[in-house]
Amino acid sequence: MTGRRRLWRWVAVAWVIVVAVAGAVTWWLEDSAEPPGPYRWENADPTPSLPQGWESACASATPDENGRALCFIRTR
């Protein structure tokens, strides 16, 4: 075997090894990037209740064509 053939064989073997290692690393990283399961809904705090007297504070709100009205209540 000549020196040139031997060099090409080493280059080909090294290329196959690099491709195999890169594929294995990609596969490993792909598996580790998945989110943990199982999926669950987060427990949210209950919606706070409206303050006393909100009906009279929002009585002057004009509803739109769909019957929805916007009313701001400021509490402290």
N, C-alpha and C. Protein backbone atom coordinates (compact mmCIF):
# COMPACT_ATOMS: atom_id res chain seq x y z
N MET A 1 0.84 -1.18 0.00
CA MET A 1 0.00 0.00 0.00
C MET A 1 0.89 1.24 0.00
N THR A 2 0.54 2.16 -0.82
CA THR A 2 1.35 3.37 -0.88
C THR A 2 0.98 4.30 0.25
N GLY A 3 1.81 5.28 0.43
CA GLY A 3 1.58 6.26 1.50
C GLY A 3 0.33 7.09 1.27
N ARG A 4 0.05 7.39 0.01
CA ARG A 4 -1.13 8.20 -0.30
C ARG A 4 -2.42 7.44 -0.02
N ARG A 5 -2.46 6.17 -0.38
CA ARG A 5 -3.66 5.35 -0.10
C ARG A 5 -3.88 5.21 1.40
N ARG A 6 -2.80 5.01 2.10
CA ARG A 6 -2.90 4.87 3.55
C ARG A 6 -3.43 6.15 4.19
N LEU A 7 -2.97 7.30 3.70
CA LEU A 7 -3.44 8.60 4.22
C LEU A 7 -4.94 8.76 3.96
N TRP A 8 -5.39 8.45 2.76
CA TRP A 8 -6.83 8.56 2.45
C TRP A 8 -7.65 7.61 3.31
N ARG A 9 -7.13 6.43 3.57
CA ARG A 9 -7.86 5.49 4.43
C ARG A 9 -7.99 6.06 5.84
N TRP A 10 -6.92 6.64 6.38
CA TRP A 10 -6.98 7.25 7.71
C TRP A 10 -7.94 8.44 7.73
N VAL A 11 -7.95 9.23 6.68
CA VAL A 11 -8.88 10.35 6.60
C VAL A 11 -10.31 9.86 6.57
N ALA A 12 -10.59 8.81 5.80
CA ALA A 12 -11.95 8.26 5.72
C ALA A 12 -12.38 7.68 7.07
N VAL A 13 -11.50 6.95 7.73
CA VAL A 13 -11.83 6.36 9.04
C VAL A 13 -12.07 7.46 10.07
N ALA A 14 -11.23 8.49 10.06
CA ALA A 14 -11.41 9.60 10.99
C ALA A 14 -12.73 10.32 10.73
N TRP A 15 -13.08 10.50 9.46
CA TRP A 15 -14.34 11.16 9.12
C TRP A 15 -15.53 10.34 9.61
N VAL A 16 -15.50 9.02 9.44
CA VAL A 16 -16.58 8.16 9.92
C VAL A 16 -16.70 8.23 11.44
N ILE A 17 -15.59 8.26 12.12
CA ILE A 17 -15.62 8.36 13.59
C ILE A 17 -16.19 9.69 14.03
N VAL A 18 -15.79 10.78 13.38
CA VAL A 18 -16.31 12.11 13.73
C VAL A 18 -17.81 12.18 13.48
N VAL A 19 -18.28 11.64 12.37
CA VAL A 19 -19.72 11.65 12.07
C VAL A 19 -20.48 10.82 13.09
N ALA A 20 -19.96 9.67 13.48
CA ALA A 20 -20.64 8.82 14.46
C ALA A 20 -20.71 9.50 15.82
N VAL A 21 -19.63 10.12 16.25
CA VAL A 21 -19.61 10.80 17.55
C VAL A 21 -20.55 12.00 17.52
N ALA A 22 -20.53 12.77 16.43
CA ALA A 22 -21.42 13.93 16.34
C ALA A 22 -22.88 13.50 16.34
N GLY A 23 -23.21 12.41 15.67
CA GLY A 23 -24.58 11.91 15.68
C GLY A 23 -25.01 11.46 17.07
N ALA A 24 -24.11 10.78 17.77
CA ALA A 24 -24.43 10.34 19.12
C ALA A 24 -24.63 11.52 20.06
N VAL A 25 -23.79 12.53 19.95
CA VAL A 25 -23.93 13.72 20.80
C VAL A 25 -25.23 14.45 20.48
N THR A 26 -25.57 14.56 19.20
CA THR A 26 -26.83 15.21 18.82
C THR A 26 -28.02 14.45 19.38
N TRP A 27 -28.01 13.15 19.27
CA TRP A 27 -29.09 12.32 19.79
C TRP A 27 -29.20 12.47 21.30
N TRP A 28 -28.08 12.50 21.99
CA TRP A 28 -28.08 12.63 23.44
C TRP A 28 -28.62 14.00 23.86
N LEU A 29 -28.18 15.07 23.18
CA LEU A 29 -28.65 16.41 23.51
C LEU A 29 -30.12 16.58 23.18
N GLU A 30 -30.59 15.94 22.12
CA GLU A 30 -32.00 16.03 21.76
C GLU A 30 -32.88 15.41 22.84
N ASP A 31 -32.45 14.29 23.39
CA ASP A 31 -33.23 13.64 24.45
C ASP A 31 -33.20 14.46 25.74
N SER A 32 -32.09 15.11 26.04
CA SER A 32 -32.00 15.85 27.29
C SER A 32 -32.73 17.19 27.22
N ALA A 33 -33.11 17.64 26.02
CA ALA A 33 -33.77 18.94 25.86
C ALA A 33 -35.28 18.86 26.02
N GLU A 34 -35.83 17.66 26.15
CA GLU A 34 -37.28 17.52 26.27
C GLU A 34 -37.74 17.96 27.65
N PRO A 35 -38.92 18.56 27.73
CA PRO A 35 -39.41 19.02 29.04
C PRO A 35 -39.79 17.83 29.91
N PRO A 36 -39.72 18.04 31.21
CA PRO A 36 -40.11 16.96 32.11
C PRO A 36 -41.61 16.72 32.06
N GLY A 37 -42.04 15.52 32.17
CA GLY A 37 -43.46 15.21 32.15
C GLY A 37 -43.85 14.68 33.50
N PRO A 38 -45.04 14.39 33.79
CA PRO A 38 -46.22 14.68 32.99
C PRO A 38 -46.64 16.14 33.16
N TYR A 39 -47.40 16.61 32.18
CA TYR A 39 -47.84 18.00 32.22
C TYR A 39 -48.98 18.16 33.22
N ARG A 40 -48.97 19.26 33.93
CA ARG A 40 -50.04 19.54 34.91
C ARG A 40 -50.40 21.01 34.82
N TRP A 41 -51.63 21.31 35.15
CA TRP A 41 -52.06 22.71 35.26
C TRP A 41 -51.51 23.28 36.54
N GLU A 42 -51.10 24.53 36.49
CA GLU A 42 -50.62 25.18 37.70
C GLU A 42 -51.82 25.59 38.54
N ASN A 43 -51.64 25.53 39.83
CA ASN A 43 -52.70 25.98 40.74
C ASN A 43 -52.62 27.50 40.85
N ALA A 44 -53.65 28.15 40.36
CA ALA A 44 -53.70 29.61 40.42
C ALA A 44 -54.48 30.06 41.65
N ASP A 45 -54.15 31.23 42.11
CA ASP A 45 -54.90 31.78 43.24
C ASP A 45 -56.32 32.10 42.78
N PRO A 46 -57.28 32.01 43.70
CA PRO A 46 -58.65 32.32 43.30
C PRO A 46 -58.80 33.80 42.93
N THR A 47 -59.75 34.08 42.07
CA THR A 47 -60.01 35.45 41.65
C THR A 47 -60.51 36.25 42.84
N PRO A 48 -59.94 37.42 43.09
CA PRO A 48 -60.41 38.21 44.24
C PRO A 48 -61.85 38.67 44.02
N SER A 49 -62.57 38.77 45.12
CA SER A 49 -63.96 39.20 45.02
C SER A 49 -64.03 40.72 44.80
N LEU A 50 -65.13 41.18 44.24
CA LEU A 50 -65.32 42.61 44.01
C LEU A 50 -65.60 43.32 45.32
N PRO A 51 -65.18 44.56 45.44
CA PRO A 51 -65.41 45.29 46.69
C PRO A 51 -66.88 45.64 46.87
N GLN A 52 -67.23 45.98 48.10
CA GLN A 52 -68.60 46.39 48.42
C GLN A 52 -68.96 47.66 47.65
N GLY A 53 -70.14 47.72 47.12
CA GLY A 53 -70.62 48.90 46.43
C GLY A 53 -70.19 49.00 44.98
N TRP A 54 -69.73 47.90 44.39
CA TRP A 54 -69.27 47.98 43.00
C TRP A 54 -70.44 48.19 42.04
N GLU A 55 -71.64 47.74 42.43
CA GLU A 55 -72.80 47.93 41.54
C GLU A 55 -73.11 49.41 41.33
N SER A 56 -73.07 50.19 42.40
CA SER A 56 -73.38 51.61 42.27
C SER A 56 -72.23 52.36 41.58
N ALA A 57 -71.00 51.91 41.75
CA ALA A 57 -69.87 52.57 41.10
C ALA A 57 -69.86 52.32 39.59
N CYS A 58 -70.40 51.20 39.16
CA CYS A 58 -70.41 50.86 37.74
C CYS A 58 -71.77 51.08 37.08
N ALA A 59 -72.69 51.71 37.79
CA ALA A 59 -74.04 51.91 37.23
C ALA A 59 -74.03 52.84 36.02
N SER A 60 -73.08 53.79 35.97
CA SER A 60 -73.06 54.75 34.88
C SER A 60 -72.24 54.26 33.68
N ALA A 61 -71.72 53.04 33.71
CA ALA A 61 -70.92 52.52 32.59
C ALA A 61 -71.85 52.23 31.42
N THR A 62 -71.48 52.70 30.25
CA THR A 62 -72.29 52.51 29.05
C THR A 62 -71.83 51.25 28.32
N PRO A 63 -72.74 50.30 28.11
CA PRO A 63 -72.35 49.06 27.42
C PRO A 63 -72.13 49.30 25.93
N ASP A 64 -71.29 48.46 25.32
CA ASP A 64 -71.06 48.57 23.88
C ASP A 64 -72.13 47.78 23.13
N GLU A 65 -71.94 47.58 21.81
CA GLU A 65 -72.97 46.90 21.01
C GLU A 65 -73.14 45.42 21.38
N ASN A 66 -72.17 44.85 22.08
CA ASN A 66 -72.28 43.46 22.53
C ASN A 66 -72.78 43.35 23.96
N GLY A 67 -73.08 44.45 24.59
CA GLY A 67 -73.59 44.43 25.96
C GLY A 67 -72.52 44.41 27.03
N ARG A 68 -71.26 44.60 26.64
CA ARG A 68 -70.17 44.61 27.62
C ARG A 68 -69.88 46.03 28.06
N ALA A 69 -69.61 46.19 29.35
CA ALA A 69 -69.27 47.51 29.89
C ALA A 69 -67.94 47.42 30.62
N LEU A 70 -67.19 48.50 30.57
CA LEU A 70 -65.89 48.56 31.23
C LEU A 70 -66.00 49.51 32.41
N CYS A 71 -65.61 49.02 33.58
CA CYS A 71 -65.71 49.82 34.80
C CYS A 71 -64.43 49.64 35.61
N PHE A 72 -63.80 50.75 35.97
CA PHE A 72 -62.59 50.73 36.78
C PHE A 72 -62.96 51.04 38.23
N ILE A 73 -62.46 50.19 39.13
CA ILE A 73 -62.69 50.40 40.56
C ILE A 73 -61.33 50.49 41.22
N ARG A 74 -61.10 51.58 41.93
CA ARG A 74 -59.84 51.77 42.61
C ARG A 74 -60.02 51.50 44.09
N THR A 75 -59.24 50.57 44.62
CA THR A 75 -59.32 50.27 46.05
C THR A 75 -57.93 50.40 46.65
N ARG A 76 -57.89 50.56 47.93
CA ARG A 76 -56.63 50.62 48.65
C ARG A 76 -56.64 49.75 49.84
